[in-house]
Amino acid sequence: SIYYADSVKGRFTISRENAKKMLYLQMNSLKPEDTAVYYC
């Protein structure tokens, strides 16, 4: 199950590696309105 906000759909990709206990967010085609503090 993976969900995205409409504003980032098609540009951002969420993924995880459970063995490493890691979460990722690949952000492409960034826009000025993406400026923010990002929280995990």
ModelCIF file with pLDDT and N, C-alpha, C, O atoms, coordinates in Angstrom:
data_MODEL
#
_entry.id   MODEL 
#
_entity.id                         1 
_entity.type                       polymer 
_entity.pdbx_number_of_molecules   1 
#
_entity_poly.entity_id                      1 
_entity_poly.type                           'polypeptide(L)' 
_entity_poly.nstd_linkage                   no 
_entity_poly.nstd_monomer                   no 
_entity_poly.pdbx_seq_one_letter_code       SIYYADSVKGRFTISRENAKKMLYLQMNSLKPEDTAVYYC 
_entity_poly.pdbx_seq_one_letter_code_can   SIYYADSVKGRFTISRENAKKMLYLQMNSLKPEDTAVYYC 
_entity_poly.pdbx_strand_id                 A 
#
loop_
_entity_poly_seq.entity_id 
_entity_poly_seq.num 
_entity_poly_seq.mon_id 
_entity_poly_seq.hetero 
1 1  SER n 
1 2  ILE n 
1 3  TYR n 
1 4  TYR n 
1 5  ALA n 
1 6  ASP n 
1 7  SER n 
1 8  VAL n 
1 9  LYS n 
1 10 GLY n 
1 11 ARG n 
1 12 PHE n 
1 13 THR n 
1 14 ILE n 
1 15 SER n 
1 16 ARG n 
1 17 GLU n 
1 18 ASN n 
1 19 ALA n 
1 20 LYS n 
1 21 LYS n 
1 22 MET n 
1 23 LEU n 
1 24 TYR n 
1 25 LEU n 
1 26 GLN n 
1 27 MET n 
1 28 ASN n 
1 29 SER n 
1 30 LEU n 
1 31 LYS n 
1 32 PRO n 
1 33 GLU n 
1 34 ASP n 
1 35 THR n 
1 36 ALA n 
1 37 VAL n 
1 38 TYR n 
1 39 TYR n 
1 40 CYS n 
#
_struct_asym.id          A 
_struct_asym.entity_id   1 
#
loop_
_ma_qa_metric.id 
_ma_qa_metric.mode 
_ma_qa_metric.name 
_ma_qa_metric.software_group_id 
_ma_qa_metric.type 
1 global pLDDT . pLDDT 
2 local  pLDDT . pLDDT 
#
_ma_qa_metric_global.metric_id      1 
_ma_qa_metric_global.metric_value   97.47 
_ma_qa_metric_global.model_id       1 
_ma_qa_metric_global.ordinal_id     1 
#
loop_
_ma_qa_metric_local.label_asym_id 
_ma_qa_metric_local.label_comp_id 
_ma_qa_metric_local.label_seq_id 
_ma_qa_metric_local.metric_id 
_ma_qa_metric_local.metric_value 
_ma_qa_metric_local.model_id 
_ma_qa_metric_local.ordinal_id 
A SER 1  2 97.00 1 1  
A ILE 2  2 98.00 1 2  
A TYR 3  2 98.00 1 3  
A TYR 4  2 98.00 1 4  
A ALA 5  2 98.00 1 5  
A ASP 6  2 98.00 1 6  
A SER 7  2 98.00 1 7  
A VAL 8  2 98.00 1 8  
A LYS 9  2 98.00 1 9  
A GLY 10 2 98.00 1 10 
A ARG 11 2 98.00 1 11 
A PHE 12 2 98.00 1 12 
A THR 13 2 98.00 1 13 
A ILE 14 2 98.00 1 14 
A SER 15 2 98.00 1 15 
A ARG 16 2 97.00 1 16 
A GLU 17 2 97.00 1 17 
A ASN 18 2 94.00 1 18 
A ALA 19 2 93.00 1 19 
A LYS 20 2 95.00 1 20 
A LYS 21 2 95.00 1 21 
A MET 22 2 97.00 1 22 
A LEU 23 2 98.00 1 23 
A TYR 24 2 98.00 1 24 
A LEU 25 2 98.00 1 25 
A GLN 26 2 98.00 1 26 
A MET 27 2 98.00 1 27 
A ASN 28 2 98.00 1 28 
A SER 29 2 98.00 1 29 
A LEU 30 2 98.00 1 30 
A LYS 31 2 98.00 1 31 
A PRO 32 2 97.00 1 32 
A GLU 33 2 97.00 1 33 
A ASP 34 2 98.00 1 34 
A THR 35 2 98.00 1 35 
A ALA 36 2 98.00 1 36 
A VAL 37 2 98.00 1 37 
A TYR 38 2 98.00 1 38 
A TYR 39 2 98.00 1 39 
A CYS 40 2 98.00 1 40 
#
loop_
_atom_site.group_PDB 
_atom_site.id 
_atom_site.type_symbol 
_atom_site.label_atom_id 
_atom_site.label_alt_id 
_atom_site.label_comp_id 
_atom_site.label_asym_id 
_atom_site.label_entity_id 
_atom_site.label_seq_id 
_atom_site.pdbx_PDB_ins_code 
_atom_site.Cartn_x 
_atom_site.Cartn_y 
_atom_site.Cartn_z 
_atom_site.occupancy 
_atom_site.B_iso_or_equiv 
_atom_site.pdbx_formal_charge 
_atom_site.auth_seq_id 
_atom_site.auth_comp_id 
_atom_site.auth_asym_id 
_atom_site.auth_atom_id 
_atom_site.pdbx_PDB_model_num 
ATOM 1   N N  . SER A 1 1  ? 0.848  -1.202 0.000   1.00 97.00 ? 1  SER A N  1 
ATOM 2   C CA . SER A 1 1  ? 0.000  0.000  0.000   1.00 97.00 ? 1  SER A CA 1 
ATOM 3   C C  . SER A 1 1  ? 0.873  1.238  0.000   1.00 97.00 ? 1  SER A C  1 
ATOM 4   O O  . SER A 1 1  ? 1.711  1.421  0.884   1.00 97.00 ? 1  SER A O  1 
ATOM 5   N N  . ILE A 1 2  ? 0.674  2.080  -0.990  1.00 98.00 ? 2  ILE A N  1 
ATOM 6   C CA . ILE A 1 2  ? 1.416  3.328  -1.127  1.00 98.00 ? 2  ILE A CA 1 
ATOM 7   C C  . ILE A 1 2  ? 0.425  4.417  -1.511  1.00 98.00 ? 2  ILE A C  1 
ATOM 8   O O  . ILE A 1 2  ? -0.416 4.226  -2.389  1.00 98.00 ? 2  ILE A O  1 
ATOM 9   N N  . TYR A 1 3  ? 0.536  5.556  -0.844  1.00 98.00 ? 3  TYR A N  1 
ATOM 10  C CA . TYR A 1 3  ? -0.349 6.680  -1.128  1.00 98.00 ? 3  TYR A CA 1 
ATOM 11  C C  . TYR A 1 3  ? 0.478  7.953  -1.286  1.00 98.00 ? 3  TYR A C  1 
ATOM 12  O O  . TYR A 1 3  ? 1.521  8.118  -0.655  1.00 98.00 ? 3  TYR A O  1 
ATOM 13  N N  . TYR A 1 4  ? -0.009 8.842  -2.138  1.00 98.00 ? 4  TYR A N  1 
ATOM 14  C CA . TYR A 1 4  ? 0.641  10.134 -2.359  1.00 98.00 ? 4  TYR A CA 1 
ATOM 15  C C  . TYR A 1 4  ? -0.396 11.247 -2.297  1.00 98.00 ? 4  TYR A C  1 
ATOM 16  O O  . TYR A 1 4  ? -1.565 11.053 -2.630  1.00 98.00 ? 4  TYR A O  1 
ATOM 17  N N  . ALA A 1 5  ? 0.058  12.412 -1.866  1.00 98.00 ? 5  ALA A N  1 
ATOM 18  C CA . ALA A 1 5  ? -0.767 13.602 -2.006  1.00 98.00 ? 5  ALA A CA 1 
ATOM 19  C C  . ALA A 1 5  ? -0.871 13.934 -3.486  1.00 98.00 ? 5  ALA A C  1 
ATOM 20  O O  . ALA A 1 5  ? 0.064  13.689 -4.248  1.00 98.00 ? 5  ALA A O  1 
ATOM 21  N N  . ASP A 1 6  ? -1.989 14.484 -3.889  1.00 98.00 ? 6  ASP A N  1 
ATOM 22  C CA . ASP A 1 6  ? -2.188 14.821 -5.301  1.00 98.00 ? 6  ASP A CA 1 
ATOM 23  C C  . ASP A 1 6  ? -1.100 15.769 -5.803  1.00 98.00 ? 6  ASP A C  1 
ATOM 24  O O  . ASP A 1 6  ? -0.707 15.706 -6.968  1.00 98.00 ? 6  ASP A O  1 
ATOM 25  N N  . SER A 1 7  ? -0.621 16.637 -4.931  1.00 98.00 ? 7  SER A N  1 
ATOM 26  C CA . SER A 1 7  ? 0.349  17.650 -5.328  1.00 98.00 ? 7  SER A CA 1 
ATOM 27  C C  . SER A 1 7  ? 1.714  17.072 -5.696  1.00 98.00 ? 7  SER A C  1 
ATOM 28  O O  . SER A 1 7  ? 2.508  17.737 -6.361  1.00 98.00 ? 7  SER A O  1 
ATOM 29  N N  . VAL A 1 8  ? 1.994  15.834 -5.267  1.00 98.00 ? 8  VAL A N  1 
ATOM 30  C CA . VAL A 1 8  ? 3.310  15.254 -5.544  1.00 98.00 ? 8  VAL A CA 1 
ATOM 31  C C  . VAL A 1 8  ? 3.223  14.006 -6.419  1.00 98.00 ? 8  VAL A C  1 
ATOM 32  O O  . VAL A 1 8  ? 4.248  13.465 -6.834  1.00 98.00 ? 8  VAL A O  1 
ATOM 33  N N  . LYS A 1 9  ? 2.021  13.555 -6.696  1.00 98.00 ? 9  LYS A N  1 
ATOM 34  C CA . LYS A 1 9  ? 1.840  12.337 -7.478  1.00 98.00 ? 9  LYS A CA 1 
ATOM 35  C C  . LYS A 1 9  ? 2.501  12.467 -8.844  1.00 98.00 ? 9  LYS A C  1 
ATOM 36  O O  . LYS A 1 9  ? 2.315  13.464 -9.541  1.00 98.00 ? 9  LYS A O  1 
ATOM 37  N N  . GLY A 1 10 ? 3.265  11.462 -9.215  1.00 98.00 ? 10 GLY A N  1 
ATOM 38  C CA . GLY A 1 10 ? 3.971  11.480 -10.489 1.00 98.00 ? 10 GLY A CA 1 
ATOM 39  C C  . GLY A 1 10 ? 5.345  12.114 -10.423 1.00 98.00 ? 10 GLY A C  1 
ATOM 40  O O  . GLY A 1 10 ? 6.132  11.989 -11.361 1.00 98.00 ? 10 GLY A O  1 
ATOM 41  N N  . ARG A 1 11 ? 5.646  12.796 -9.321  1.00 98.00 ? 11 ARG A N  1 
ATOM 42  C CA . ARG A 1 11 ? 6.957  13.443 -9.165  1.00 98.00 ? 11 ARG A CA 1 
ATOM 43  C C  . ARG A 1 11 ? 7.776  12.834 -8.029  1.00 98.00 ? 11 ARG A C  1 
ATOM 44  O O  . ARG A 1 11 ? 9.003  12.763 -8.110  1.00 98.00 ? 11 ARG A O  1 
ATOM 45  N N  . PHE A 1 12 ? 7.097  12.398 -6.979  1.00 98.00 ? 12 PHE A N  1 
ATOM 46  C CA . PHE A 1 12 ? 7.767  11.840 -5.802  1.00 98.00 ? 12 PHE A CA 1 
ATOM 47  C C  . PHE A 1 12 ? 7.538  10.332 -5.748  1.00 98.00 ? 12 PHE A C  1 
ATOM 48  O O  . PHE A 1 12 ? 6.497  9.830  -6.171  1.00 98.00 ? 12 PHE A O  1 
ATOM 49  N N  . THR A 1 13 ? 8.539  9.617  -5.216  1.00 98.00 ? 13 THR A N  1 
ATOM 50  C CA . THR A 1 13 ? 8.418  8.174  -5.025  1.00 98.00 ? 13 THR A CA 1 
ATOM 51  C C  . THR A 1 13 ? 8.875  7.803  -3.623  1.00 98.00 ? 13 THR A C  1 
ATOM 52  O O  . THR A 1 13 ? 9.996  8.120  -3.226  1.00 98.00 ? 13 THR A O  1 
ATOM 53  N N  . ILE A 1 14 ? 8.008  7.132  -2.874  1.00 98.00 ? 14 ILE A N  1 
ATOM 54  C CA . ILE A 1 14 ? 8.350  6.671  -1.536  1.00 98.00 ? 14 ILE A CA 1 
ATOM 55  C C  . ILE A 1 14 ? 8.762  5.207  -1.624  1.00 98.00 ? 14 ILE A C  1 
ATOM 56  O O  . ILE A 1 14 ? 8.182  4.431  -2.383  1.00 98.00 ? 14 ILE A O  1 
ATOM 57  N N  . SER A 1 15 ? 9.774  4.840  -0.838  1.00 98.00 ? 15 SER A N  1 
ATOM 58  C CA . SER A 1 15 ? 10.221 3.447  -0.799  1.00 98.00 ? 15 SER A CA 1 
ATOM 59  C C  . SER A 1 15 ? 10.835 3.163  0.563   1.00 98.00 ? 15 SER A C  1 
ATOM 60  O O  . SER A 1 15 ? 11.090 4.079  1.345   1.00 98.00 ? 15 SER A O  1 
ATOM 61  N N  . ARG A 1 16 ? 11.068 1.884  0.838   1.00 97.00 ? 16 ARG A N  1 
ATOM 62  C CA . ARG A 1 16 ? 11.646 1.518  2.126   1.00 97.00 ? 16 ARG A CA 1 
ATOM 63  C C  . ARG A 1 16 ? 12.490 0.256  1.994   1.00 97.00 ? 16 ARG A C  1 
ATOM 64  O O  . ARG A 1 16 ? 12.291 -0.556 1.091   1.00 97.00 ? 16 ARG A O  1 
ATOM 65  N N  . GLU A 1 17 ? 13.430 0.116  2.912   1.00 97.00 ? 17 GLU A N  1 
ATOM 66  C CA . GLU A 1 17 ? 14.244 -1.092 3.034   1.00 97.00 ? 17 GLU A CA 1 
ATOM 67  C C  . GLU A 1 17 ? 14.116 -1.560 4.480   1.00 97.00 ? 17 GLU A C  1 
ATOM 68  O O  . GLU A 1 17 ? 14.784 -1.032 5.369   1.00 97.00 ? 17 GLU A O  1 
ATOM 69  N N  . ASN A 1 18 ? 13.269 -2.538 4.710   1.00 94.00 ? 18 ASN A N  1 
ATOM 70  C CA . ASN A 1 18 ? 12.982 -2.958 6.083   1.00 94.00 ? 18 ASN A CA 1 
ATOM 71  C C  . ASN A 1 18 ? 14.204 -3.542 6.787   1.00 94.00 ? 18 ASN A C  1 
ATOM 72  O O  . ASN A 1 18 ? 14.387 -3.318 7.984   1.00 94.00 ? 18 ASN A O  1 
ATOM 73  N N  . ALA A 1 19 ? 15.030 -4.275 6.078   1.00 93.00 ? 19 ALA A N  1 
ATOM 74  C CA . ALA A 1 19 ? 16.208 -4.880 6.699   1.00 93.00 ? 19 ALA A CA 1 
ATOM 75  C C  . ALA A 1 19 ? 17.160 -3.813 7.239   1.00 93.00 ? 19 ALA A C  1 
ATOM 76  O O  . ALA A 1 19 ? 17.856 -4.035 8.229   1.00 93.00 ? 19 ALA A O  1 
ATOM 77  N N  . LYS A 1 20 ? 17.183 -2.661 6.583   1.00 95.00 ? 20 LYS A N  1 
ATOM 78  C CA . LYS A 1 20 ? 18.046 -1.559 7.013   1.00 95.00 ? 20 LYS A CA 1 
ATOM 79  C C  . LYS A 1 20 ? 17.306 -0.538 7.854   1.00 95.00 ? 20 LYS A C  1 
ATOM 80  O O  . LYS A 1 20 ? 17.909 0.418  8.343   1.00 95.00 ? 20 LYS A O  1 
ATOM 81  N N  . LYS A 1 21 ? 16.005 -0.728 8.028   1.00 95.00 ? 21 LYS A N  1 
ATOM 82  C CA . LYS A 1 21 ? 15.170 0.214  8.767   1.00 95.00 ? 21 LYS A CA 1 
ATOM 83  C C  . LYS A 1 21 ? 15.285 1.613  8.165   1.00 95.00 ? 21 LYS A C  1 
ATOM 84  O O  . LYS A 1 21 ? 15.474 2.599  8.877   1.00 95.00 ? 21 LYS A O  1 
ATOM 85  N N  . MET A 1 22 ? 15.168 1.674  6.861   1.00 97.00 ? 22 MET A N  1 
ATOM 86  C CA . MET A 1 22 ? 15.303 2.939  6.152   1.00 97.00 ? 22 MET A CA 1 
ATOM 87  C C  . MET A 1 22 ? 14.048 3.244  5.339   1.00 97.00 ? 22 MET A C  1 
ATOM 88  O O  . MET A 1 22 ? 13.394 2.348  4.807   1.00 97.00 ? 22 MET A O  1 
ATOM 89  N N  . LEU A 1 23 ? 13.735 4.535  5.260   1.00 98.00 ? 23 LEU A N  1 
ATOM 90  C CA . LEU A 1 23 ? 12.649 5.057  4.441   1.00 98.00 ? 23 LEU A CA 1 
ATOM 91  C C  . LEU A 1 23 ? 13.237 6.111  3.519   1.00 98.00 ? 23 LEU A C  1 
ATOM 92  O O  . LEU A 1 23 ? 14.130 6.859  3.916   1.00 98.00 ? 23 LEU A O  1 
ATOM 93  N N  . TYR A 1 24 ? 12.738 6.172  2.284   1.00 98.00 ? 24 TYR A N  1 
ATOM 94  C CA . TYR A 1 24 ? 13.266 7.121  1.312   1.00 98.00 ? 24 TYR A CA 1 
ATOM 95  C C  . TYR A 1 24 ? 12.125 7.900  0.650   1.00 98.00 ? 24 TYR A C  1 
ATOM 96  O O  . TYR A 1 24 ? 10.982 7.448  0.591   1.00 98.00 ? 24 TYR A O  1 
ATOM 97  N N  . LEU A 1 25 ? 12.482 9.081  0.157   1.00 98.00 ? 25 LEU A N  1 
ATOM 98  C CA . LEU A 1 25 ? 11.562 9.851  -0.669  1.00 98.00 ? 25 LEU A CA 1 
ATOM 99  C C  . LEU A 1 25 ? 12.377 10.450 -1.806  1.00 98.00 ? 25 LEU A C  1 
ATOM 100 O O  . LEU A 1 25 ? 13.160 11.377 -1.601  1.00 98.00 ? 25 LEU A O  1 
ATOM 101 N N  . GLN A 1 26 ? 12.187 9.917  -2.996  1.00 98.00 ? 26 GLN A N  1 
ATOM 102 C CA . GLN A 1 26 ? 12.825 10.457 -4.188  1.00 98.00 ? 26 GLN A CA 1 
ATOM 103 C C  . GLN A 1 26 ? 11.936 11.558 -4.737  1.00 98.00 ? 26 GLN A C  1 
ATOM 104 O O  . GLN A 1 26 ? 10.777 11.318 -5.075  1.00 98.00 ? 26 GLN A O  1 
ATOM 105 N N  . MET A 1 27 ? 12.476 12.758 -4.825  1.00 98.00 ? 27 MET A N  1 
ATOM 106 C CA . MET A 1 27 ? 11.705 13.915 -5.272  1.00 98.00 ? 27 MET A CA 1 
ATOM 107 C C  . MET A 1 27 ? 12.282 14.440 -6.577  1.00 98.00 ? 27 MET A C  1 
ATOM 108 O O  . MET A 1 27 ? 13.418 14.913 -6.610  1.00 98.00 ? 27 MET A O  1 
ATOM 109 N N  . ASN A 1 28 ? 11.515 14.361 -7.640  1.00 98.00 ? 28 ASN A N  1 
ATOM 110 C CA . ASN A 1 28 ? 11.935 14.841 -8.951  1.00 98.00 ? 28 ASN A CA 1 
ATOM 111 C C  . ASN A 1 28 ? 11.060 16.015 -9.391  1.00 98.00 ? 28 ASN A C  1 
ATOM 112 O O  . ASN A 1 28 ? 9.995  16.261 -8.825  1.00 98.00 ? 28 ASN A O  1 
ATOM 113 N N  . SER A 1 29 ? 11.522 16.720 -10.392 1.00 98.00 ? 29 SER A N  1 
ATOM 114 C CA . SER A 1 29 ? 10.769 17.869 -10.937 1.00 98.00 ? 29 SER A CA 1 
ATOM 115 C C  . SER A 1 29 ? 10.301 18.790 -9.821  1.00 98.00 ? 29 SER A C  1 
ATOM 116 O O  . SER A 1 29 ? 9.136  19.183 -9.770  1.00 98.00 ? 29 SER A O  1 
ATOM 117 N N  . LEU A 1 30 ? 11.210 19.125 -8.941  1.00 98.00 ? 30 LEU A N  1 
ATOM 118 C CA . LEU A 1 30 ? 10.847 19.942 -7.779  1.00 98.00 ? 30 LEU A CA 1 
ATOM 119 C C  . LEU A 1 30 ? 10.388 21.326 -8.188  1.00 98.00 ? 30 LEU A C  1 
ATOM 120 O O  . LEU A 1 30 ? 10.874 21.902 -9.162  1.00 98.00 ? 30 LEU A O  1 
ATOM 121 N N  . LYS A 1 31 ? 9.436  21.850 -7.419  1.00 98.00 ? 31 LYS A N  1 
ATOM 122 C CA . LYS A 1 31 ? 8.861  23.173 -7.654  1.00 98.00 ? 31 LYS A CA 1 
ATOM 123 C C  . LYS A 1 31 ? 9.096  24.039 -6.419  1.00 98.00 ? 31 LYS A C  1 
ATOM 124 O O  . LYS A 1 31 ? 9.278  23.512 -5.322  1.00 98.00 ? 31 LYS A O  1 
ATOM 125 N N  . PRO A 1 32 ? 9.094  25.349 -6.584  1.00 97.00 ? 32 PRO A N  1 
ATOM 126 C CA . PRO A 1 32 ? 9.252  26.235 -5.408  1.00 97.00 ? 32 PRO A CA 1 
ATOM 127 C C  . PRO A 1 32 ? 8.221  25.948 -4.319  1.00 97.00 ? 32 PRO A C  1 
ATOM 128 O O  . PRO A 1 32 ? 8.515  26.108 -3.135  1.00 97.00 ? 32 PRO A O  1 
ATOM 129 N N  . GLU A 1 33 ? 7.031  25.532 -4.700  1.00 97.00 ? 33 GLU A N  1 
ATOM 130 C CA . GLU A 1 33 ? 5.996  25.242 -3.704  1.00 97.00 ? 33 GLU A CA 1 
ATOM 131 C C  . GLU A 1 33 ? 6.258  23.952 -2.918  1.00 97.00 ? 33 GLU A C  1 
ATOM 132 O O  . GLU A 1 33 ? 5.525  23.643 -1.979  1.00 97.00 ? 33 GLU A O  1 
ATOM 133 N N  . ASP A 1 34 ? 7.283  23.210 -3.290  1.00 98.00 ? 34 ASP A N  1 
ATOM 134 C CA . ASP A 1 34 ? 7.694  22.043 -2.506  1.00 98.00 ? 34 ASP A CA 1 
ATOM 135 C C  . ASP A 1 34 ? 8.589  22.435 -1.331  1.00 98.00 ? 34 ASP A C  1 
ATOM 136 O O  . ASP A 1 34 ? 8.926  21.596 -0.495  1.00 98.00 ? 34 ASP A O  1 
ATOM 137 N N  . THR A 1 35 ? 8.966  23.697 -1.271  1.00 98.00 ? 35 THR A N  1 
ATOM 138 C CA . THR A 1 35 ? 9.809  24.182 -0.179  1.00 98.00 ? 35 THR A CA 1 
ATOM 139 C C  . THR A 1 35 ? 9.093  24.002 1.148   1.00 98.00 ? 35 THR A C  1 
ATOM 140 O O  . THR A 1 35 ? 7.977  24.485 1.340   1.00 98.00 ? 35 THR A O  1 
ATOM 141 N N  . ALA A 1 36 ? 9.757  23.293 2.067   1.00 98.00 ? 36 ALA A N  1 
ATOM 142 C CA . ALA A 1 36 ? 9.155  22.991 3.369   1.00 98.00 ? 36 ALA A CA 1 
ATOM 143 C C  . ALA A 1 36 ? 10.165 22.214 4.207   1.00 98.00 ? 36 ALA A C  1 
ATOM 144 O O  . ALA A 1 36 ? 11.210 21.782 3.720   1.00 98.00 ? 36 ALA A O  1 
ATOM 145 N N  . VAL A 1 37 ? 9.819  22.052 5.473   1.00 98.00 ? 37 VAL A N  1 
ATOM 146 C CA . VAL A 1 37 ? 10.523 21.084 6.311   1.00 98.00 ? 37 VAL A CA 1 
ATOM 147 C C  . VAL A 1 37 ? 9.815  19.752 6.128   1.00 98.00 ? 37 VAL A C  1 
ATOM 148 O O  . VAL A 1 37 ? 8.597  19.662 6.281   1.00 98.00 ? 37 VAL A O  1 
ATOM 149 N N  . TYR A 1 38 ? 10.570 18.732 5.806   1.00 98.00 ? 38 TYR A N  1 
ATOM 150 C CA . TYR A 1 38 ? 10.011 17.400 5.570   1.00 98.00 ? 38 TYR A CA 1 
ATOM 151 C C  . TYR A 1 38 ? 10.256 16.510 6.783   1.00 98.00 ? 38 TYR A C  1 
ATOM 152 O O  . TYR A 1 38 ? 11.373 16.413 7.291   1.00 98.00 ? 38 TYR A O  1 
ATOM 153 N N  . TYR A 1 39 ? 9.184  15.866 7.232   1.00 98.00 ? 39 TYR A N  1 
ATOM 154 C CA . TYR A 1 39 ? 9.231  15.022 8.417   1.00 98.00 ? 39 TYR A CA 1 
ATOM 155 C C  . TYR A 1 39 ? 8.950  13.569 8.064   1.00 98.00 ? 39 TYR A C  1 
ATOM 156 O O  . TYR A 1 39 ? 8.079  13.260 7.251   1.00 98.00 ? 39 TYR A O  1 
ATOM 157 N N  . CYS A 1 40 ? 9.704  12.698 8.692   1.00 98.00 ? 40 CYS A N  1 
ATOM 158 C CA . CYS A 1 40 ? 9.480  11.260 8.605   1.00 98.00 ? 40 CYS A CA 1 
ATOM 159 C C  . CYS A 1 40 ? 8.602  10.846 9.783   1.00 98.00 ? 40 CYS A C  1 
ATOM 160 O O  . CYS A 1 40 ? 8.275  9.668  9.925   1.00 98.00 ? 40 CYS A O  1 
#
